[in-house]
């Protein structure tokens, strides 16, 4: 039914229906959100051949909208501790900047790739067969692990066909080398090359194709 307006319009507002009225109480992450008395968190140990002492990365999370369908766990602050004082200044600076990004809200997952793109001029190192370009990059790995754990980053696991392909290639290589137990512990052949896709030293040549025994990436030529 039409309504005739015979007066001058001096203002207006948007009125939401009842179904969406409850959404106004949803709390989102923003920089003015006060720190609760208690936060939940996890600590990740980083031990590299570049440092004598291990680093311990602690990420504390805030629980938004607890007890509601909109409940979310989001990172609020990060601390990095070590017995070594060699990197004290830049570590303190890094933790403050990352914590500020966490509290700003929005998509903070970009931090992972930004930290991973940092290369040590002295060269990186291999850890469990995976190439790590720097200590900063490994801090990025720890943040990614945490974000996957709280659901901010979806874990990309190989599909069933890819897993089957990797298992077949591993079994074929083990049978060829006569060492059926070598793959049970996640080890890869000593002669394996670095995979450009997953940065793991697990690429071998089988049947004329360079195949990664970790992610299944394969190139023939």
C-alpha atoms as a PDB file:
ATOM      1  CA  UNK A   1       0.000   0.000   0.000  1.00  0.00           C
ATOM      2  CA  UNK A   2       1.451   3.376  -1.038  1.00  0.00           C
ATOM      3  CA  UNK A   3       1.863   6.157   1.512  1.00  0.00           C
ATOM      4  CA  UNK A   4       1.621   9.778   0.404  1.00  0.00           C
ATOM      5  CA  UNK A   5       4.149  12.130   1.957  1.00  0.00           C
ATOM      6  CA  UNK A   6       2.831  15.679   2.209  1.00  0.00           C
ATOM      7  CA  UNK A   7       5.616  17.077   4.420  1.00  0.00           C
ATOM      8  CA  UNK A   8       9.220  18.014   3.711  1.00  0.00           C
ATOM      9  CA  UNK A   9      11.662  15.157   4.418  1.00  0.00           C
ATOM     10  CA  UNK A  10      14.172  16.252   7.075  1.00  0.00           C
ATOM     11  CA  UNK A  11      15.963  12.953   7.695  1.00  0.00           C
ATOM     12  CA  UNK A  12      15.835   9.217   7.232  1.00  0.00           C
ATOM     13  CA  UNK A  13      17.170   5.955   8.673  1.00  0.00           C
ATOM     14  CA  UNK A  14      17.380   2.320   7.584  1.00  0.00           C
ATOM     15  CA  UNK A  15      15.145   0.016   9.613  1.00  0.00           C
ATOM     16  CA  UNK A  16      16.163  -3.649   9.627  1.00  0.00           C
ATOM     17  CA  UNK A  17      13.632  -6.445   9.889  1.00  0.00           C
ATOM     18  CA  UNK A  18      13.327  -8.582  13.023  1.00  0.00           C
ATOM     19  CA  UNK A  19      15.335 -11.463  11.494  1.00  0.00           C
ATOM     20  CA  UNK A  20      18.441  -9.335  11.259  1.00  0.00           C
ATOM     21  CA  UNK A  21      17.979  -7.368  14.468  1.00  0.00           C
ATOM     22  CA  UNK A  22      20.037  -9.781  16.537  1.00  0.00           C
ATOM     23  CA  UNK A  23      23.070  -9.421  14.245  1.00  0.00           C
ATOM     24  CA  UNK A  24      23.840  -5.962  15.679  1.00  0.00           C
ATOM     25  CA  UNK A  25      25.186  -7.574  18.848  1.00  0.00           C
ATOM     26  CA  UNK A  26      27.914  -9.501  17.007  1.00  0.00           C
ATOM     27  CA  UNK A  27      31.374  -8.326  18.119  1.00  0.00           C
ATOM     28  CA  UNK A  28      34.087  -8.155  15.466  1.00  0.00           C
ATOM     29  CA  UNK A  29      37.822  -7.777  15.928  1.00  0.00           C
ATOM     30  CA  UNK A  30      38.948  -4.129  16.010  1.00  0.00           C
ATOM     31  CA  UNK A  31      41.818  -2.114  17.453  1.00  0.00           C
ATOM     32  CA  UNK A  32      39.750  -0.542  20.254  1.00  0.00           C
ATOM     33  CA  UNK A  33      38.686  -3.910  21.668  1.00  0.00           C
ATOM     34  CA  UNK A  34      39.908  -4.094  25.259  1.00  0.00           C
ATOM     35  CA  UNK A  35      42.162  -6.939  26.333  1.00  0.00           C
ATOM     36  CA  UNK A  36      40.342  -9.422  28.593  1.00  0.00           C
ATOM     37  CA  UNK A  37      41.893 -10.477  31.882  1.00  0.00           C
ATOM     38  CA  UNK A  38      42.462 -13.987  30.553  1.00  0.00           C
ATOM     39  CA  UNK A  39      43.413 -15.166  27.067  1.00  0.00           C
ATOM     40  CA  UNK A  40      43.873 -18.664  25.674  1.00  0.00           C
ATOM     41  CA  UNK A  41      46.975 -19.454  23.670  1.00  0.00           C
ATOM     42  CA  UNK A  42      49.569 -21.890  22.374  1.00  0.00           C
ATOM     43  CA  UNK A  43      53.354 -21.930  22.417  1.00  0.00           C
ATOM     44  CA  UNK A  44      55.467 -23.198  19.507  1.00  0.00           C
ATOM     45  CA  UNK A  45      59.133 -24.155  19.810  1.00  0.00           C
ATOM     46  CA  UNK A  46      61.526 -23.149  17.026  1.00  0.00           C
ATOM     47  CA  UNK A  47      65.006 -24.672  16.987  1.00  0.00           C
ATOM     48  CA  UNK A  48      67.214 -23.876  14.023  1.00  0.00           C
ATOM     49  CA  UNK A  49      70.856 -24.565  13.120  1.00  0.00           C
ATOM     50  CA  UNK A  50      71.352 -20.779  12.953  1.00  0.00           C
ATOM     51  CA  UNK A  51      70.784 -20.193  16.670  1.00  0.00           C
ATOM     52  CA  UNK A  52      72.242 -21.838  19.756  1.00  0.00           C
ATOM     53  CA  UNK A  53      69.061 -21.509  21.800  1.00  0.00           C
ATOM     54  CA  UNK A  54      65.499 -22.288  20.791  1.00  0.00           C
ATOM     55  CA  UNK A  55      62.842 -19.625  20.306  1.00  0.00           C
ATOM     56  CA  UNK A  56      59.410 -20.003  21.869  1.00  0.00           C
ATOM     57  CA  UNK A  57      56.556 -18.339  19.985  1.00  0.00           C
ATOM     58  CA  UNK A  58      53.422 -17.783  22.096  1.00  0.00           C
ATOM     59  CA  UNK A  59      50.213 -16.647  20.403  1.00  0.00           C
ATOM     60  CA  UNK A  60      47.305 -15.640  22.644  1.00  0.00           C
ATOM     61  CA  UNK A  61      43.760 -15.594  21.287  1.00  0.00           C
ATOM     62  CA  UNK A  62      40.600 -13.736  22.193  1.00  0.00           C
ATOM     63  CA  UNK A  63      37.217 -15.487  22.093  1.00  0.00           C
ATOM     64  CA  UNK A  64      34.640 -13.331  20.314  1.00  0.00           C
ATOM     65  CA  UNK A  65      30.898 -13.809  20.919  1.00  0.00           C
ATOM     66  CA  UNK A  66      31.332 -16.782  23.302  1.00  0.00           C
ATOM     67  CA  UNK A  67      28.389 -19.142  23.619  1.00  0.00           C
ATOM     68  CA  UNK A  68      26.717 -17.892  20.418  1.00  0.00           C
ATOM     69  CA  UNK A  69      26.592 -19.187  16.829  1.00  0.00           C
ATOM     70  CA  UNK A  70      29.059 -16.367  15.991  1.00  0.00           C
ATOM     71  CA  UNK A  71      31.749 -17.543  18.401  1.00  0.00           C
ATOM     72  CA  UNK A  72      35.238 -17.152  16.922  1.00  0.00           C
ATOM     73  CA  UNK A  73      38.777 -17.524  18.204  1.00  0.00           C
ATOM     74  CA  UNK A  74      41.125 -14.891  16.823  1.00  0.00           C
ATOM     75  CA  UNK A  75      44.810 -14.087  17.557  1.00  0.00           C
ATOM     76  CA  UNK A  76      45.224 -11.056  19.809  1.00  0.00           C
ATOM     77  CA  UNK A  77      48.941 -10.888  20.653  1.00  0.00           C
ATOM     78  CA  UNK A  78      52.243 -12.675  20.077  1.00  0.00           C
ATOM     79  CA  UNK A  79      55.360 -13.052  22.208  1.00  0.00           C
ATOM     80  CA  UNK A  80      58.728 -14.551  21.248  1.00  0.00           C
ATOM     81  CA  UNK A  81      61.157 -15.566  23.992  1.00  0.00           C
ATOM     82  CA  UNK A  82      64.651 -17.047  23.985  1.00  0.00           C
ATOM     83  CA  UNK A  83      67.718 -17.334  26.199  1.00  0.00           C
ATOM     84  CA  UNK A  84      69.699 -15.717  23.403  1.00  0.00           C
ATOM     85  CA  UNK A  85      69.744 -11.924  23.309  1.00  0.00           C
ATOM     86  CA  UNK A  86      71.300 -11.727  19.813  1.00  0.00           C
ATOM     87  CA  UNK A  87      68.023 -10.867  18.101  1.00  0.00           C
ATOM     88  CA  UNK A  88      66.309  -9.082  20.998  1.00  0.00           C
ATOM     89  CA  UNK A  89      65.662  -5.719  19.301  1.00  0.00           C
ATOM     90  CA  UNK A  90      64.128  -6.913  16.056  1.00  0.00           C
ATOM     91  CA  UNK A  91      62.174  -9.668  17.794  1.00  0.00           C
ATOM     92  CA  UNK A  92      60.524  -7.147  20.144  1.00  0.00           C
ATOM     93  CA  UNK A  93      59.760  -4.876  17.182  1.00  0.00           C
ATOM     94  CA  UNK A  94      58.338  -7.770  15.171  1.00  0.00           C
ATOM     95  CA  UNK A  95      56.059  -8.972  17.987  1.00  0.00           C
ATOM     96  CA  UNK A  96      54.665  -5.477  18.539  1.00  0.00           C
ATOM     97  CA  UNK A  97      53.931  -4.967  14.854  1.00  0.00           C
ATOM     98  CA  UNK A  98      52.316  -8.394  14.443  1.00  0.00           C
ATOM     99  CA  UNK A  99      50.224  -7.900  17.601  1.00  0.00           C
ATOM    100  CA  UNK A 100      49.041  -4.538  16.227  1.00  0.00           C
ATOM    101  CA  UNK A 101      47.988  -6.218  12.975  1.00  0.00           C
ATOM    102  CA  UNK A 102      46.119  -8.910  14.930  1.00  0.00           C
ATOM    103  CA  UNK A 103      44.192  -6.303  16.934  1.00  0.00           C
ATOM    104  CA  UNK A 104      43.379  -4.207  13.870  1.00  0.00           C
ATOM    105  CA  UNK A 105      40.988  -6.900  12.708  1.00  0.00           C
ATOM    106  CA  UNK A 106      40.268  -8.066   9.190  1.00  0.00           C
ATOM    107  CA  UNK A 107      42.196 -10.756   7.353  1.00  0.00           C
ATOM    108  CA  UNK A 108      45.591 -11.148   9.037  1.00  0.00           C
ATOM    109  CA  UNK A 109      46.519 -14.325   7.153  1.00  0.00           C
ATOM    110  CA  UNK A 110      48.679 -12.280   4.758  1.00  0.00           C
ATOM    111  CA  UNK A 111      51.317 -12.155   7.517  1.00  0.00           C
ATOM    112  CA  UNK A 112      52.258 -15.763   6.789  1.00  0.00           C
ATOM    113  CA  UNK A 113      53.342 -15.114   3.197  1.00  0.00           C
ATOM    114  CA  UNK A 114      54.988 -11.810   4.094  1.00  0.00           C
ATOM    115  CA  UNK A 115      57.186 -13.472   6.730  1.00  0.00           C
ATOM    116  CA  UNK A 116      57.920 -16.469   4.504  1.00  0.00           C
ATOM    117  CA  UNK A 117      59.238 -14.160   1.791  1.00  0.00           C
ATOM    118  CA  UNK A 118      62.090 -12.979   4.048  1.00  0.00           C
ATOM    119  CA  UNK A 119      65.438 -14.550   3.071  1.00  0.00           C
ATOM    120  CA  UNK A 120      68.541 -14.674   5.238  1.00  0.00           C
ATOM    121  CA  UNK A 121      71.567 -13.266   3.324  1.00  0.00           C
ATOM    122  CA  UNK A 122      73.667 -16.002   4.944  1.00  0.00           C
ATOM    123  CA  UNK A 123      71.429 -18.633   3.423  1.00  0.00           C
ATOM    124  CA  UNK A 124      68.573 -20.770   4.704  1.00  0.00           C
ATOM    125  CA  UNK A 125      68.561 -24.300   6.064  1.00  0.00           C
ATOM    126  CA  UNK A 126      66.799 -27.624   5.742  1.00  0.00           C
ATOM    127  CA  UNK A 127      64.641 -28.870   8.589  1.00  0.00           C
ATOM    128  CA  UNK A 128      63.084 -32.327   8.316  1.00  0.00           C
ATOM    129  CA  UNK A 129      63.696 -32.186   4.578  1.00  0.00           C
ATOM    130  CA  UNK A 130      61.897 -28.845   4.115  1.00  0.00           C
ATOM    131  CA  UNK A 131      63.814 -25.747   3.062  1.00  0.00           C
ATOM    132  CA  UNK A 132      63.383 -22.693   5.287  1.00  0.00           C
ATOM    133  CA  UNK A 133      64.847 -19.423   3.916  1.00  0.00           C
ATOM    134  CA  UNK A 134      65.223 -17.666   7.290  1.00  0.00           C
ATOM    135  CA  UNK A 135      64.366 -17.613  10.976  1.00  0.00           C
ATOM    136  CA  UNK A 136      61.664 -15.020  10.224  1.00  0.00           C
ATOM    137  CA  UNK A 137      60.131 -17.417   7.685  1.00  0.00           C
ATOM    138  CA  UNK A 138      59.951 -20.126  10.344  1.00  0.00           C
ATOM    139  CA  UNK A 139      58.102 -17.705  12.628  1.00  0.00           C
ATOM    140  CA  UNK A 140      55.673 -17.344   9.727  1.00  0.00           C
ATOM    141  CA  UNK A 141      55.309 -21.136   9.660  1.00  0.00           C
ATOM    142  CA  UNK A 142      54.440 -21.113  13.372  1.00  0.00           C
ATOM    143  CA  UNK A 143      51.779 -18.438  12.805  1.00  0.00           C
ATOM    144  CA  UNK A 144      50.331 -20.446   9.902  1.00  0.00           C
ATOM    145  CA  UNK A 145      50.193 -23.578  12.080  1.00  0.00           C
ATOM    146  CA  UNK A 146      48.305 -21.615  14.741  1.00  0.00           C
ATOM    147  CA  UNK A 147      45.889 -20.042  12.257  1.00  0.00           C
ATOM    148  CA  UNK A 148      45.093 -23.467  10.842  1.00  0.00           C
ATOM    149  CA  UNK A 149      44.458 -24.748  14.346  1.00  0.00           C
ATOM    150  CA  UNK A 150      41.894 -21.998  15.131  1.00  0.00           C
ATOM    151  CA  UNK A 151      40.271 -22.186  11.694  1.00  0.00           C
ATOM    152  CA  UNK A 152      41.512 -18.924  10.126  1.00  0.00           C
ATOM    153  CA  UNK A 153      43.384 -20.831   7.401  1.00  0.00           C
ATOM    154  CA  UNK A 154      41.901 -23.911   5.819  1.00  0.00           C
ATOM    155  CA  UNK A 155      44.352 -26.813   5.780  1.00  0.00           C
ATOM    156  CA  UNK A 156      44.954 -27.845   2.184  1.00  0.00           C
ATOM    157  CA  UNK A 157      45.296 -31.602   2.254  1.00  0.00           C
ATOM    158  CA  UNK A 158      45.840 -33.603  -0.959  1.00  0.00           C
ATOM    159  CA  UNK A 159      42.649 -35.124  -2.310  1.00  0.00           C
ATOM    160  CA  UNK A 160      42.091 -38.879  -2.261  1.00  0.00           C
ATOM    161  CA  UNK A 161      43.492 -39.413  -5.763  1.00  0.00           C
ATOM    162  CA  UNK A 162      46.603 -37.357  -4.972  1.00  0.00           C
ATOM    163  CA  UNK A 163      47.185 -39.252  -1.722  1.00  0.00           C
ATOM    164  CA  UNK A 164      46.839 -42.539  -3.600  1.00  0.00           C
ATOM    165  CA  UNK A 165      49.316 -41.331  -6.244  1.00  0.00           C
ATOM    166  CA  UNK A 166      51.875 -40.305  -3.586  1.00  0.00           C
ATOM    167  CA  UNK A 167      51.490 -43.624  -1.754  1.00  0.00           C
ATOM    168  CA  UNK A 168      52.047 -45.563  -4.970  1.00  0.00           C
ATOM    169  CA  UNK A 169      55.178 -43.578  -5.849  1.00  0.00           C
ATOM    170  CA  UNK A 170      56.610 -44.013  -2.350  1.00  0.00           C
ATOM    171  CA  UNK A 171      55.914 -47.751  -2.411  1.00  0.00           C
ATOM    172  CA  UNK A 172      57.517 -48.080  -5.856  1.00  0.00           C
ATOM    173  CA  UNK A 173      60.628 -46.219  -4.732  1.00  0.00           C
ATOM    174  CA  UNK A 174      60.930 -48.254  -1.524  1.00  0.00           C
ATOM    175  CA  UNK A 175      60.574 -51.493  -3.487  1.00  0.00           C
ATOM    176  CA  UNK A 176      63.233 -50.354  -5.945  1.00  0.00           C
ATOM    177  CA  UNK A 177      65.650 -49.450  -3.130  1.00  0.00           C
ATOM    178  CA  UNK A 178      64.833 -52.562  -1.113  1.00  0.00           C
ATOM    179  CA  UNK A 179      64.068 -50.490   1.989  1.00  0.00           C
ATOM    180  CA  UNK A 180      60.401 -50.824   2.800  1.00  0.00           C
ATOM    181  CA  UNK A 181      60.708 -49.044   6.140  1.00  0.00           C
ATOM    182  CA  UNK A 182      62.327 -45.854   4.867  1.00  0.00           C
ATOM    183  CA  UNK A 183      59.038 -44.054   4.233  1.00  0.00           C
ATOM    184  CA  UNK A 184      57.343 -44.834   7.530  1.00  0.00           C
ATOM    185  CA  UNK A 185      59.086 -41.999   9.348  1.00  0.00           C
ATOM    186  CA  UNK A 186      58.561 -39.308   6.730  1.00  0.00           C
ATOM    187  CA  UNK A 187      62.162 -39.564   5.460  1.00  0.00           C
ATOM    188  CA  UNK A 188      63.058 -38.968   1.832  1.00  0.00           C
ATOM    189  CA  UNK A 189      65.987 -40.251  -0.252  1.00  0.00           C
ATOM    190  CA  UNK A 190      69.317 -38.535   0.309  1.00  0.00           C
ATOM    191  CA  UNK A 191      69.629 -37.837  -3.417  1.00  0.00           C
ATOM    192  CA  UNK A 192      66.220 -36.127  -3.567  1.00  0.00           C
ATOM    193  CA  UNK A 193      65.995 -32.612  -4.955  1.00  0.00           C
ATOM    194  CA  UNK A 194      64.097 -29.583  -3.681  1.00  0.00           C
ATOM    195  CA  UNK A 195      60.443 -29.334  -4.692  1.00  0.00           C
ATOM    196  CA  UNK A 196      59.534 -25.854  -5.927  1.00  0.00           C
ATOM    197  CA  UNK A 197      55.907 -26.359  -4.886  1.00  0.00           C
ATOM    198  CA  UNK A 198      56.190 -27.501  -1.246  1.00  0.00           C
ATOM    199  CA  UNK A 199      59.866 -26.543  -0.558  1.00  0.00           C
ATOM    200  CA  UNK A 200      60.622 -30.088   0.586  1.00  0.00           C
ATOM    201  CA  UNK A 201      63.695 -32.043  -0.499  1.00  0.00           C
ATOM    202  CA  UNK A 202      61.650 -34.971  -1.811  1.00  0.00           C
ATOM    203  CA  UNK A 203      61.815 -34.866  -5.625  1.00  0.00           C
ATOM    204  CA  UNK A 204      63.146 -37.987  -7.331  1.00  0.00           C
ATOM    205  CA  UNK A 205      63.136 -39.207 -10.938  1.00  0.00           C
ATOM    206  CA  UNK A 206      60.843 -42.161 -11.559  1.00  0.00           C
ATOM    207  CA  UNK A 207      59.761 -43.515 -14.936  1.00  0.00           C
ATOM    208  CA  UNK A 208      61.194 -40.467 -16.658  1.00  0.00           C
ATOM    209  CA  UNK A 209      59.293 -37.991 -14.450  1.00  0.00           C
ATOM    210  CA  UNK A 210      60.514 -35.775 -11.623  1.00  0.00           C
ATOM    211  CA  UNK A 211      58.072 -36.589  -8.815  1.00  0.00           C
ATOM    212  CA  UNK A 212      57.752 -35.150  -5.305  1.00  0.00           C
ATOM    213  CA  UNK A 213      57.171 -37.837  -2.684  1.00  0.00           C
ATOM    214  CA  UNK A 214      55.756 -35.235  -0.305  1.00  0.00           C
ATOM    215  CA  UNK A 215      53.101 -33.310  -2.272  1.00  0.00           C
ATOM    216  CA  UNK A 216      52.850 -35.430  -5.420  1.00  0.00           C
ATOM    217  CA  UNK A 217      53.842 -32.683  -7.848  1.00  0.00           C
ATOM    218  CA  UNK A 218      55.141 -34.321 -11.024  1.00  0.00           C
ATOM    219  CA  UNK A 219      56.765 -33.042 -14.216  1.00  0.00           C
ATOM    220  CA  UNK A 220      57.823 -35.208 -17.143  1.00  0.00           C
ATOM    221  CA  UNK A 221      60.392 -34.276 -19.715  1.00  0.00           C
END
